[in-house]
Amino acid sequence: MREKIVSLNFNKRAEQIMHKQKELMLFATELASLFPDHPHIRWEKAAFVPWQEIIRKPDMDEEAAPENIRNEVFGSSENRWNYWSNQLDVRRMVLQLVADFLDGEVTREEMKKHLINGHTQLILGEKGDTPYQPPTYITFGLEGQLDPLKTMTRKLGLTNNGIDKLRDNLSDVIGGLNNPENSIDDIKDSLYEFQRIMIVPVFDKECMSAFPFAFGNNSFSMNHINALLRLFGREGISHDGIDFALLANRETPKKAYNHFIAILFEGAELNNGYY
């Protein structure tokens, strides 16, 4: 009986993900119609959010581990479904932000609003009814405590300078979309800098806390990066310890940069065909 219930729940959640994915594709088609002079921008491709591109590189031992072991780190299967659903909500916001950049200037306040609202959707979902509890939150023994989760998700530690730098790097990348001859190589440094600020911002100058948000920084940042890669016609990449490389190499950022570039160019096709 339990296996039947689990199977029914899996099918139900899978259908919900597929429905939301289709709605996102329709939204991308609408955005594409607003920019007829930019047929090279791959809106529909960027609207595709496969599971392999919102997690770290899949580990066979992890996937094969007993359910109770997986739950100690990642929470329930419901938590994972909520995460996927919420990442689709975030992708919609990212695509809208790209359209706003292409349409004109995005102000600091607009960028700040995007960051706070986007991160809130990552953690709670568009309607606030699909709470996702990140591994860090679970590791701290807070699983099931939703009130602090809701409070912390909207607290942004970035300074105005940090917000401006994030916005400027996004602007550089999105500006590259105006030229169909541009490639990932032309925007790789701006992509890296966006990720750096989200993971290891300079204290006091870029951020008044260790991270922009209490949790979920890498997941949130990588959604932006993969959306941009797909807009350029590339596949997205797994998260693959990019944040760990940044954290481990604060004093030698060149190593973190090299790791990011290696993943960007060597792993771009890793997830092709997975959903």
Protein backbone atom coordinates (compact mmCIF):
# COMPACT_ATOMS: atom_id res chain seq x y z
CA MET A 1 0.00 0.00 0.00
CA ARG A 2 2.79 2.41 0.92
CA GLU A 3 4.54 1.79 -2.40
CA LYS A 4 1.28 2.53 -4.25
CA ILE A 5 0.83 5.80 -2.35
CA VAL A 6 4.43 6.82 -3.07
CA SER A 7 3.93 6.01 -6.76
CA LEU A 8 0.71 8.05 -6.93
CA ASN A 9 2.36 11.00 -5.22
CA PHE A 10 5.35 10.78 -7.60
CA ASN A 11 3.05 10.84 -10.62
CA LYS A 12 1.06 13.75 -9.23
CA ARG A 13 4.11 15.88 -8.51
CA ALA A 14 5.68 14.97 -11.86
CA GLU A 15 2.52 16.14 -13.61
CA GLN A 16 2.62 19.39 -11.65
CA ILE A 17 6.22 20.00 -12.70
CA MET A 18 5.39 19.25 -16.33
CA HIS A 19 2.40 21.61 -16.24
CA LYS A 20 4.46 24.41 -14.74
CA GLN A 21 7.21 23.76 -17.29
CA LYS A 22 4.71 24.09 -20.14
CA GLU A 23 3.40 27.37 -18.69
CA LEU A 24 6.96 28.66 -18.51
CA MET A 25 7.53 27.72 -22.15
CA LEU A 26 4.43 29.72 -23.14
CA PHE A 27 5.74 32.68 -21.14
CA ALA A 28 9.07 32.42 -22.96
CA THR A 29 7.25 32.43 -26.30
CA GLU A 30 5.50 35.64 -25.27
CA LEU A 31 8.83 37.23 -24.38
CA ALA A 32 10.33 36.18 -27.71
CA SER A 33 7.49 37.95 -29.52
CA LEU A 34 8.46 41.19 -27.79
CA PHE A 35 11.95 41.11 -29.32
CA PRO A 36 11.50 40.19 -33.00
CA ASP A 37 14.85 41.82 -33.83
CA HIS A 38 16.62 39.26 -31.61
CA PRO A 39 15.72 35.90 -33.16
CA HIS A 40 19.05 34.46 -31.98
CA ILE A 41 18.01 34.69 -28.30
CA ARG A 42 16.84 31.23 -27.23
CA TRP A 43 13.95 32.11 -24.92
CA GLU A 44 12.25 28.72 -25.11
CA LYS A 45 15.51 26.89 -24.47
CA ALA A 46 16.13 29.07 -21.42
CA ALA A 47 12.66 28.21 -20.11
CA PHE A 48 13.64 24.55 -19.80
CA VAL A 49 14.74 23.71 -16.24
CA PRO A 50 15.89 20.07 -16.02
CA TRP A 51 16.59 18.50 -12.65
CA GLN A 52 20.24 17.86 -13.55
CA GLU A 53 20.83 21.62 -13.83
CA ILE A 54 19.53 22.55 -10.38
CA ILE A 55 21.67 20.12 -8.38
CA ARG A 56 25.32 19.29 -7.95
CA LYS A 57 26.78 16.60 -10.20
CA PRO A 58 24.70 13.48 -9.48
CA ASP A 59 26.40 10.99 -7.18
CA MET A 60 25.42 7.35 -7.69
CA ASP A 61 26.12 6.47 -4.05
CA GLU A 62 23.88 9.31 -2.91
CA GLU A 63 21.06 8.30 -5.24
CA ALA A 64 21.31 4.69 -4.07
CA ALA A 65 21.39 5.55 -0.36
CA PRO A 66 18.49 4.47 1.85
CA GLU A 67 15.71 7.00 2.14
CA ASN A 68 16.40 7.81 5.78
CA ILE A 69 20.03 8.70 4.96
CA ARG A 70 19.04 10.97 2.08
CA ASN A 71 16.50 12.69 4.30
CA GLU A 72 19.12 13.58 6.90
CA VAL A 73 20.76 15.83 4.33
CA PHE A 74 18.12 16.75 1.76
CA GLY A 75 14.87 16.38 3.67
CA SER A 76 11.84 14.54 2.35
CA SER A 77 11.06 13.75 -1.26
CA GLU A 78 8.39 16.46 -0.95
CA ASN A 79 11.18 18.91 -0.18
CA ARG A 80 12.93 17.98 -3.43
CA TRP A 81 9.74 18.33 -5.45
CA ASN A 82 9.15 21.76 -3.90
CA TYR A 83 12.70 22.77 -4.78
CA TRP A 84 12.20 21.88 -8.44
CA SER A 85 8.85 23.64 -8.57
CA ASN A 86 10.29 26.76 -6.95
CA GLN A 87 13.27 26.83 -9.32
CA LEU A 88 10.77 27.03 -12.18
CA ASP A 89 9.22 30.06 -10.48
CA VAL A 90 12.65 31.64 -10.14
CA ARG A 91 13.45 30.97 -13.81
CA ARG A 92 10.34 32.88 -14.82
CA MET A 93 11.56 35.86 -12.80
CA VAL A 94 15.04 35.60 -14.32
CA LEU A 95 13.64 35.62 -17.87
CA GLN A 96 11.49 38.63 -17.03
CA LEU A 97 14.57 40.40 -15.64
CA VAL A 98 16.46 39.68 -18.88
CA ALA A 99 13.58 41.19 -20.85
CA ASP A 100 13.64 44.25 -18.59
CA PHE A 101 17.36 44.71 -19.23
CA LEU A 102 16.87 44.39 -22.97
CA ASP A 103 13.99 46.86 -22.82
CA GLY A 104 15.87 49.51 -20.88
CA GLU A 105 17.77 50.27 -17.68
CA VAL A 106 17.18 48.28 -14.50
CA THR A 107 17.55 50.48 -11.43
CA ARG A 108 19.22 49.49 -8.17
CA GLU A 109 15.85 49.31 -6.44
CA GLU A 110 14.44 47.10 -9.19
CA MET A 111 17.46 44.80 -8.92
CA LYS A 112 17.11 44.66 -5.15
CA LYS A 113 13.42 43.81 -5.49
CA HIS A 114 14.27 41.04 -7.96
CA LEU A 115 16.84 39.53 -5.59
CA ILE A 116 14.57 39.53 -2.56
CA ASN A 117 11.43 38.37 -4.35
CA GLY A 118 13.33 35.82 -6.43
CA HIS A 119 15.02 34.29 -3.38
CA THR A 120 11.68 34.21 -1.57
CA GLN A 121 10.20 32.26 -4.47
CA LEU A 122 13.15 29.85 -4.36
CA ILE A 123 12.42 29.10 -0.70
CA LEU A 124 8.63 29.40 -0.57
CA GLY A 125 7.40 29.24 -4.17
CA GLU A 126 5.36 31.76 -6.12
CA LYS A 127 2.26 31.21 -3.97
CA GLY A 128 4.15 30.61 -0.74
CA ASP A 129 2.81 27.07 -0.37
CA THR A 130 5.79 24.98 -1.51
CA PRO A 131 8.43 25.54 1.19
CA TYR A 132 11.90 24.33 0.32
CA GLN A 133 14.28 23.69 3.21
CA PRO A 134 17.89 23.83 1.95
CA PRO A 135 20.43 21.24 3.19
CA THR A 136 22.14 23.93 5.31
CA TYR A 137 18.86 24.68 7.05
CA ILE A 138 18.27 20.97 7.72
CA THR A 139 21.86 20.46 8.90
CA PHE A 140 21.35 23.20 11.51
CA GLY A 141 18.49 21.16 12.94
CA LEU A 142 15.75 23.52 11.76
CA GLU A 143 13.84 21.10 9.55
CA GLY A 144 10.10 21.60 9.87
CA GLN A 145 10.43 25.06 11.44
CA LEU A 146 8.91 27.25 8.74
CA ASP A 147 8.57 30.55 10.61
CA PRO A 148 12.33 31.32 10.73
CA LEU A 149 12.59 30.07 7.14
CA LYS A 150 10.00 32.63 6.03
CA THR A 151 11.67 35.40 8.00
CA MET A 152 15.24 34.80 6.87
CA THR A 153 14.51 34.34 3.17
CA ARG A 154 13.79 38.05 2.63
CA LYS A 155 16.85 39.35 4.48
CA LEU A 156 19.39 40.60 1.92
CA GLY A 157 22.86 41.41 3.21
CA LEU A 158 24.25 43.03 0.06
CA THR A 159 25.25 46.68 0.20
CA ASN A 160 24.21 49.12 -2.51
CA ASN A 161 27.65 48.60 -4.02
CA GLY A 162 27.13 44.83 -4.05
CA ILE A 163 23.72 45.19 -5.67
CA ASP A 164 25.15 47.55 -8.28
CA LYS A 165 27.95 45.12 -9.11
CA LEU A 166 25.51 42.23 -9.55
CA ARG A 167 23.34 44.40 -11.76
CA ASP A 168 26.29 45.62 -13.82
CA ASN A 169 27.60 42.10 -14.43
CA LEU A 170 24.16 40.92 -15.49
CA SER A 171 23.88 43.95 -17.73
CA ASP A 172 27.19 43.04 -19.39
CA VAL A 173 26.07 39.48 -20.02
CA ILE A 174 22.62 40.44 -21.28
CA GLY A 175 24.14 43.19 -23.40
CA GLY A 176 26.09 40.45 -25.11
CA LEU A 177 22.80 39.00 -26.32
CA ASN A 178 22.35 42.02 -28.57
CA ASN A 179 25.12 40.73 -30.84
CA PRO A 180 24.39 37.31 -32.39
CA GLU A 181 28.13 36.89 -33.00
CA ASN A 182 28.90 36.86 -29.28
CA SER A 183 29.56 33.58 -27.51
CA ILE A 184 29.96 32.35 -23.94
CA ASP A 185 33.63 33.23 -24.15
CA ASP A 186 32.67 36.91 -24.42
CA ILE A 187 30.68 36.90 -21.19
CA LYS A 188 32.44 34.29 -19.05
CA ASP A 189 34.15 36.83 -16.77
CA SER A 190 30.89 38.61 -16.00
CA LEU A 191 29.20 35.28 -15.27
CA TYR A 192 31.98 34.37 -12.87
CA GLU A 193 31.87 37.73 -11.13
CA PHE A 194 28.11 37.41 -10.63
CA GLN A 195 28.67 34.02 -8.98
CA ARG A 196 31.56 35.33 -6.88
CA ILE A 197 29.49 38.15 -5.40
CA MET A 198 26.68 35.70 -4.58
CA ILE A 199 29.06 33.28 -2.80
CA VAL A 200 32.09 35.22 -1.47
CA PRO A 201 31.20 38.93 -1.47
CA VAL A 202 33.76 41.32 -0.03
CA PHE A 203 32.65 42.01 3.52
CA ASP A 204 31.60 45.58 4.24
CA LYS A 205 32.18 46.72 0.65
CA GLU A 206 29.78 44.35 -1.12
CA CYS A 207 27.92 42.69 1.73
CA MET A 208 27.29 43.27 5.43
CA SER A 209 27.09 39.55 6.16
CA ALA A 210 29.01 36.45 5.09
CA PHE A 211 26.55 35.78 2.26
CA PRO A 212 23.84 37.79 0.50
CA PHE A 213 21.20 35.44 1.98
CA ALA A 214 21.31 33.08 4.94
CA PHE A 215 20.96 30.06 2.61
CA GLY A 216 20.23 29.09 -0.97
CA ASN A 217 22.77 31.48 -2.51
CA ASN A 218 24.33 28.96 -4.88
CA SER A 219 21.00 27.53 -6.05
CA PHE A 220 19.66 31.02 -6.67
CA SER A 221 22.77 32.23 -8.47
CA MET A 222 23.11 29.14 -10.66
CA ASN A 223 19.52 29.52 -11.86
CA HIS A 224 20.55 32.88 -13.33
CA ILE A 225 23.74 31.49 -14.85
CA ASN A 226 22.02 28.52 -16.47
CA ALA A 227 19.23 30.73 -17.82
CA LEU A 228 21.85 32.96 -19.45
CA LEU A 229 23.80 30.01 -20.86
CA ARG A 230 20.62 28.67 -22.41
CA LEU A 231 19.69 32.09 -23.83
CA PHE A 232 23.01 31.89 -25.69
CA GLY A 233 22.02 28.45 -26.99
CA ARG A 234 24.15 26.37 -24.65
CA GLU A 235 23.09 23.69 -22.19
CA GLY A 236 23.12 24.60 -18.52
CA ILE A 237 25.61 23.09 -16.08
CA SER A 238 25.29 21.24 -12.79
CA HIS A 239 26.19 23.22 -9.68
CA ASP A 240 29.17 20.88 -9.18
CA GLY A 241 30.87 22.46 -6.17
CA ILE A 242 31.39 25.88 -7.78
CA ASP A 243 30.48 27.53 -4.50
CA PHE A 244 32.86 25.25 -2.58
CA ALA A 245 35.69 26.22 -4.94
CA LEU A 246 35.01 29.89 -4.26
CA LEU A 247 34.84 29.38 -0.50
CA ALA A 248 38.03 27.30 -0.43
CA ASN A 249 39.99 29.79 -2.52
CA ARG A 250 39.11 33.17 -1.06
CA GLU A 251 42.81 34.04 -0.90
CA THR A 252 43.59 32.53 -4.30
CA PRO A 253 40.58 33.49 -6.44
CA LYS A 254 42.37 32.48 -9.65
CA LYS A 255 41.89 28.82 -8.66
CA ALA A 256 38.16 29.34 -8.19
CA TYR A 257 37.98 31.17 -11.51
CA ASN A 258 39.78 28.32 -13.30
CA HIS A 259 37.40 25.79 -11.73
CA PHE A 260 34.38 27.81 -12.88
CA ILE A 261 35.73 28.15 -16.42
CA ALA A 262 36.51 24.42 -16.59
CA ILE A 263 32.94 23.55 -15.58
CA LEU A 264 31.55 26.19 -17.92
CA PHE A 265 33.31 24.90 -21.01
CA GLU A 266 33.94 21.22 -20.26
CA GLY A 267 30.63 20.49 -18.56
CA ALA A 268 28.23 22.48 -20.72
CA GLU A 269 26.95 19.38 -22.50
CA LEU A 270 26.88 17.19 -19.40
CA ASN A 271 23.14 17.44 -18.82
CA ASN A 272 21.89 17.42 -22.38
CA GLY A 273 18.83 15.23 -22.75
CA TYR A 274 18.08 14.80 -19.05
CA TYR A 275 14.88 16.01 -17.41
